[in-house]
């Protein structure tokens, strides 16, 4: 039997016709893609029909499509697509998931699909930013930092080509430093700039190109974390403790009713 050449989970007949927002994510939206090396990632949001939410049957709340078969690492020219139901998306975003946040802050040129409801969701973006979100950014940063140092005990992707070329996994290093910069920006300003501002973007690209030693990158990550901690511990952050649940809930109810024609 021939193995499938792509991966698909979920119901495209539910997800695709009901999309309200989709954007490029991954290195592309951060402005740190290197030509000829990075894959293409997209993430979006769809509104489930009422029978899926109000009925008694359980259904997947996402749709996933990959151009590579199961177990094969994505590379240059490959596409990974993840669409979340609105309910699942909002729950992830309220917790501050760094990847899920990206369609909310992506620049116009990175948007693939945006409907009027998608625009409304993007206008609500600051309601998701909180001190809890910063903690999530730091948590993801720690995970990437451990992997760049070779300290992670988890089963993580192996990139022997990077180890051979640079002596360490510079891609994990670039992710860790990017998350540190973004965590500091959110904690200090209450917003997220995409793509990365020029100075930070060039620094992260230098890491990704293997131009900086691992010890220097690790030290910079540590300094940034200390600065974030100072902001949070002293209350010198404009962020609330948690996301604005009331605003997000009110909008979600209204958006679903309008999408279904229940107005």
Protein backbone atom coordinates (compact mmCIF):
# COMPACT_ATOMS: atom_id res chain seq x y z
CA UNK A 1 0.00 0.00 0.00
CA UNK A 2 1.35 3.43 -0.94
CA UNK A 3 1.81 5.83 1.98
CA UNK A 4 -0.11 9.14 1.63
CA UNK A 5 2.06 12.01 0.42
CA UNK A 6 0.27 14.55 2.61
CA UNK A 7 -1.24 14.68 6.10
CA UNK A 8 -4.81 15.81 6.74
CA UNK A 9 -6.81 15.77 9.96
CA UNK A 10 -10.21 17.27 10.59
CA UNK A 11 -13.04 18.17 8.25
CA UNK A 12 -12.17 20.59 5.43
CA UNK A 13 -15.84 20.94 4.50
CA UNK A 14 -16.44 22.54 7.90
CA UNK A 15 -13.21 24.49 8.37
CA UNK A 16 -12.45 25.96 4.95
CA UNK A 17 -15.85 27.50 4.05
CA UNK A 18 -16.17 29.05 7.52
CA UNK A 19 -12.76 30.71 7.86
CA UNK A 20 -12.73 34.27 9.16
CA UNK A 21 -8.98 34.78 9.48
CA UNK A 22 -5.77 33.19 8.22
CA UNK A 23 -2.24 34.49 8.16
CA UNK A 24 1.31 33.41 7.52
CA UNK A 25 2.99 32.41 10.77
CA UNK A 26 6.40 30.97 11.56
CA UNK A 27 9.62 32.61 10.39
CA UNK A 28 7.83 34.44 7.59
CA UNK A 29 5.68 36.62 9.83
CA UNK A 30 8.60 37.30 12.19
CA UNK A 31 10.71 38.53 9.30
CA UNK A 32 13.46 35.97 9.95
CA UNK A 33 12.96 33.55 7.08
CA UNK A 34 16.11 32.68 5.17
CA UNK A 35 15.57 32.08 1.46
CA UNK A 36 15.87 28.47 0.45
CA UNK A 37 15.77 27.05 3.98
CA UNK A 38 12.41 27.68 5.67
CA UNK A 39 9.05 26.01 5.15
CA UNK A 40 5.76 27.92 4.86
CA UNK A 41 3.39 27.98 7.85
CA UNK A 42 -0.16 29.31 7.97
CA UNK A 43 -2.67 29.49 10.82
CA UNK A 44 -6.32 30.45 10.76
CA UNK A 45 -9.65 30.54 12.54
CA UNK A 46 -13.05 29.23 11.48
CA UNK A 47 -16.51 29.36 13.05
CA UNK A 48 -18.19 26.01 13.50
CA UNK A 49 -21.85 25.60 12.49
CA UNK A 50 -24.29 25.69 15.43
CA UNK A 51 -25.00 21.95 15.39
CA UNK A 52 -21.29 21.28 16.02
CA UNK A 53 -21.27 23.47 19.11
CA UNK A 54 -24.75 22.91 20.47
CA UNK A 55 -25.21 19.23 19.68
CA UNK A 56 -24.18 16.26 21.82
CA UNK A 57 -21.56 14.72 19.51
CA UNK A 58 -17.90 15.54 20.03
CA UNK A 59 -15.90 16.76 17.03
CA UNK A 60 -12.34 17.83 16.31
CA UNK A 61 -11.94 21.55 16.82
CA UNK A 62 -9.16 21.97 14.30
CA UNK A 63 -8.12 21.19 10.75
CA UNK A 64 -4.52 20.29 9.91
CA UNK A 65 -2.93 19.87 6.50
CA UNK A 66 0.75 19.22 5.77
CA UNK A 67 2.45 18.75 2.43
CA UNK A 68 4.81 16.17 3.95
CA UNK A 69 3.74 12.68 5.07
CA UNK A 70 3.51 11.69 8.74
CA UNK A 71 6.86 11.66 10.51
CA UNK A 72 8.72 13.63 7.83
CA UNK A 73 10.18 16.96 8.88
CA UNK A 74 9.00 19.96 6.87
CA UNK A 75 11.65 21.71 4.83
CA UNK A 76 12.05 24.37 2.18
CA UNK A 77 9.00 24.53 -0.08
CA UNK A 78 6.72 22.58 2.28
CA UNK A 79 3.50 23.98 3.70
CA UNK A 80 1.96 23.42 7.13
CA UNK A 81 -1.59 24.67 7.71
CA UNK A 82 -3.43 24.71 11.04
CA UNK A 83 -6.98 26.04 11.39
CA UNK A 84 -8.65 26.27 14.81
CA UNK A 85 -12.32 26.54 15.58
CA UNK A 86 -13.10 29.93 17.08
CA UNK A 87 -13.78 28.42 20.50
CA UNK A 88 -10.47 26.53 20.60
CA UNK A 89 -8.55 29.47 19.17
CA UNK A 90 -9.86 31.92 21.75
CA UNK A 91 -9.07 29.57 24.62
CA UNK A 92 -5.48 29.23 23.42
CA UNK A 93 -5.10 32.95 22.77
CA UNK A 94 -6.48 33.92 26.19
CA UNK A 95 -3.76 31.80 27.78
CA UNK A 96 -1.14 33.69 25.76
CA UNK A 97 0.02 30.93 23.40
CA UNK A 98 2.79 32.71 21.42
CA UNK A 99 2.10 30.99 18.11
CA UNK A 100 -1.67 31.42 18.31
CA UNK A 101 -1.22 35.16 18.91
CA UNK A 102 0.45 35.69 15.54
CA UNK A 103 -2.62 36.10 13.26
CA UNK A 104 -3.85 38.85 15.59
CA UNK A 105 -0.70 40.93 15.14
CA UNK A 106 0.45 39.86 11.67
CA UNK A 107 1.02 42.73 9.21
CA UNK A 108 -1.45 43.18 6.36
CA UNK A 109 0.90 41.62 3.82
CA UNK A 110 0.94 38.37 5.83
CA UNK A 111 -2.84 37.97 5.83
CA UNK A 112 -4.17 35.21 3.58
CA UNK A 113 -7.86 35.43 4.50
CA UNK A 114 -9.60 38.12 6.52
CA UNK A 115 -13.36 38.65 6.63
CA UNK A 116 -15.17 41.45 8.50
CA UNK A 117 -15.38 39.15 11.53
CA UNK A 118 -11.69 38.41 11.16
CA UNK A 119 -10.98 42.15 11.19
CA UNK A 120 -13.02 42.49 14.37
CA UNK A 121 -11.01 39.70 15.99
CA UNK A 122 -7.76 41.44 15.06
CA UNK A 123 -9.07 44.72 16.49
CA UNK A 124 -9.57 42.86 19.78
CA UNK A 125 -5.89 41.83 19.86
CA UNK A 126 -4.83 43.78 22.96
CA UNK A 127 -7.56 42.09 25.02
CA UNK A 128 -5.47 38.91 24.85
CA UNK A 129 -2.23 40.44 26.13
CA UNK A 130 -1.60 39.96 29.83
CA UNK A 131 1.05 39.10 32.37
CA UNK A 132 -0.08 35.50 31.96
CA UNK A 133 0.70 35.78 28.25
CA UNK A 134 4.21 37.02 29.06
CA UNK A 135 4.70 33.97 31.28
CA UNK A 136 3.72 31.76 28.36
CA UNK A 137 6.28 33.50 26.13
CA UNK A 138 8.92 32.90 28.80
CA UNK A 139 7.87 29.28 29.09
CA UNK A 140 8.27 28.72 25.35
CA UNK A 141 11.56 30.61 25.50
CA UNK A 142 12.87 28.30 28.25
CA UNK A 143 11.94 25.26 26.17
CA UNK A 144 13.82 26.54 23.13
CA UNK A 145 16.75 27.68 25.28
CA UNK A 146 17.12 24.22 26.81
CA UNK A 147 17.07 22.65 23.37
CA UNK A 148 19.70 25.02 22.01
CA UNK A 149 21.90 24.08 24.98
CA UNK A 150 21.23 20.37 24.44
CA UNK A 151 19.64 20.10 27.90
CA UNK A 152 16.12 19.08 26.95
CA UNK A 153 15.07 15.55 27.90
CA UNK A 154 12.10 15.65 25.53
CA UNK A 155 11.99 13.96 22.15
CA UNK A 156 12.75 17.01 20.00
CA UNK A 157 13.51 17.40 16.28
CA UNK A 158 17.05 16.47 15.37
CA UNK A 159 18.87 18.78 12.96
CA UNK A 160 22.24 17.11 12.47
CA UNK A 161 23.04 19.41 9.57
CA UNK A 162 23.05 22.41 11.93
CA UNK A 163 25.09 20.62 14.59
CA UNK A 164 27.65 19.68 11.94
CA UNK A 165 27.79 23.18 10.48
CA UNK A 166 27.81 25.28 13.67
CA UNK A 167 28.36 22.94 16.59
CA UNK A 168 24.89 23.65 18.00
CA UNK A 169 21.29 24.01 16.84
CA UNK A 170 21.15 27.66 15.80
CA UNK A 171 17.46 27.38 14.88
CA UNK A 172 16.53 26.70 18.50
CA UNK A 173 18.77 29.60 19.44
CA UNK A 174 17.02 31.97 17.06
CA UNK A 175 13.60 30.93 18.41
CA UNK A 176 14.71 31.37 22.02
CA UNK A 177 16.14 34.84 21.43
CA UNK A 178 13.10 35.93 19.41
CA UNK A 179 10.76 34.86 22.19
CA UNK A 180 12.89 36.71 24.73
CA UNK A 181 12.69 39.91 22.68
CA UNK A 182 8.96 39.53 22.20
CA UNK A 183 8.30 38.75 25.84
CA UNK A 184 10.16 41.91 26.81
CA UNK A 185 8.29 44.02 24.26
CA UNK A 186 4.90 42.79 25.45
CA UNK A 187 5.80 43.26 29.13
CA UNK A 188 7.20 46.76 28.60
CA UNK A 189 4.84 48.21 25.97
CA UNK A 190 1.69 46.10 26.00
CA UNK A 191 1.90 45.27 22.30
CA UNK A 192 3.65 42.95 19.85
CA UNK A 193 5.41 44.14 16.69
CA UNK A 194 5.43 41.89 13.64
CA UNK A 195 7.73 41.45 11.90
CA UNK A 196 10.40 41.95 14.55
CA UNK A 197 11.79 45.50 14.74
CA UNK A 198 14.91 45.91 12.55
CA UNK A 199 17.55 45.74 15.31
CA UNK A 200 16.09 42.64 16.93
CA UNK A 201 15.38 41.03 13.56
CA UNK A 202 18.99 41.38 12.42
CA UNK A 203 20.23 40.00 15.73
CA UNK A 204 17.98 36.93 15.48
CA UNK A 205 18.98 36.40 11.84
CA UNK A 206 22.64 36.53 12.87
CA UNK A 207 21.95 33.71 15.32
CA UNK A 208 20.09 31.71 12.68
CA UNK A 209 22.98 32.14 10.24
CA UNK A 210 25.41 30.82 12.85
CA UNK A 211 27.28 34.11 13.18
CA UNK A 212 27.11 34.34 16.99
CA UNK A 213 28.55 31.93 19.59
CA UNK A 214 26.07 29.96 21.63
CA UNK A 215 27.37 31.31 24.96
CA UNK A 216 26.76 34.90 23.83
CA UNK A 217 23.22 34.11 22.71
CA UNK A 218 22.47 32.28 25.95
CA UNK A 219 23.75 35.21 28.02
CA UNK A 220 21.57 37.69 26.08
CA UNK A 221 18.52 35.52 26.63
CA UNK A 222 19.28 35.49 30.34
CA UNK A 223 19.60 39.28 30.48
CA UNK A 224 16.29 39.76 28.70
CA UNK A 225 14.53 37.39 31.07
CA UNK A 226 15.84 39.34 34.07
CA UNK A 227 14.49 42.56 32.56
CA UNK A 228 11.09 40.97 31.98
CA UNK A 229 11.01 39.64 35.54
CA UNK A 230 11.81 43.07 36.92
CA UNK A 231 8.88 44.58 35.02
CA UNK A 232 6.46 41.94 36.23
CA UNK A 233 7.69 41.80 39.83
CA UNK A 234 7.70 45.57 40.32
CA UNK A 235 4.38 46.18 38.58
CA UNK A 236 6.02 48.43 35.97
CA UNK A 237 4.12 46.77 33.14
CA UNK A 238 1.00 48.15 31.46
CA UNK A 239 -0.45 44.64 31.28
CA UNK A 240 -3.33 43.31 33.39
CA UNK A 241 -2.85 40.03 35.22
CA UNK A 242 -5.05 38.11 32.79
CA UNK A 243 -6.74 38.60 29.43
CA UNK A 244 -10.01 40.49 29.19
CA UNK A 245 -12.33 37.49 29.39
CA UNK A 246 -15.50 39.60 29.40
CA UNK A 247 -14.63 41.44 26.18
CA UNK A 248 -13.52 38.28 24.39
CA UNK A 249 -16.61 36.34 25.48
CA UNK A 250 -19.01 39.11 24.46
CA UNK A 251 -17.42 39.37 21.03
CA UNK A 252 -17.34 35.59 20.53
CA UNK A 253 -21.07 35.26 21.23
CA UNK A 254 -21.89 38.14 18.91
CA UNK A 255 -19.58 36.91 16.13
CA UNK A 256 -20.99 33.39 16.13
CA UNK A 257 -24.59 34.62 16.13
CA UNK A 258 -23.88 36.88 13.17
CA UNK A 259 -22.00 34.18 11.27
CA UNK A 260 -24.96 31.84 11.73
CA UNK A 261 -27.48 34.54 10.81
CA UNK A 262 -28.99 34.48 14.30
CA UNK A 263 -29.47 38.24 14.55
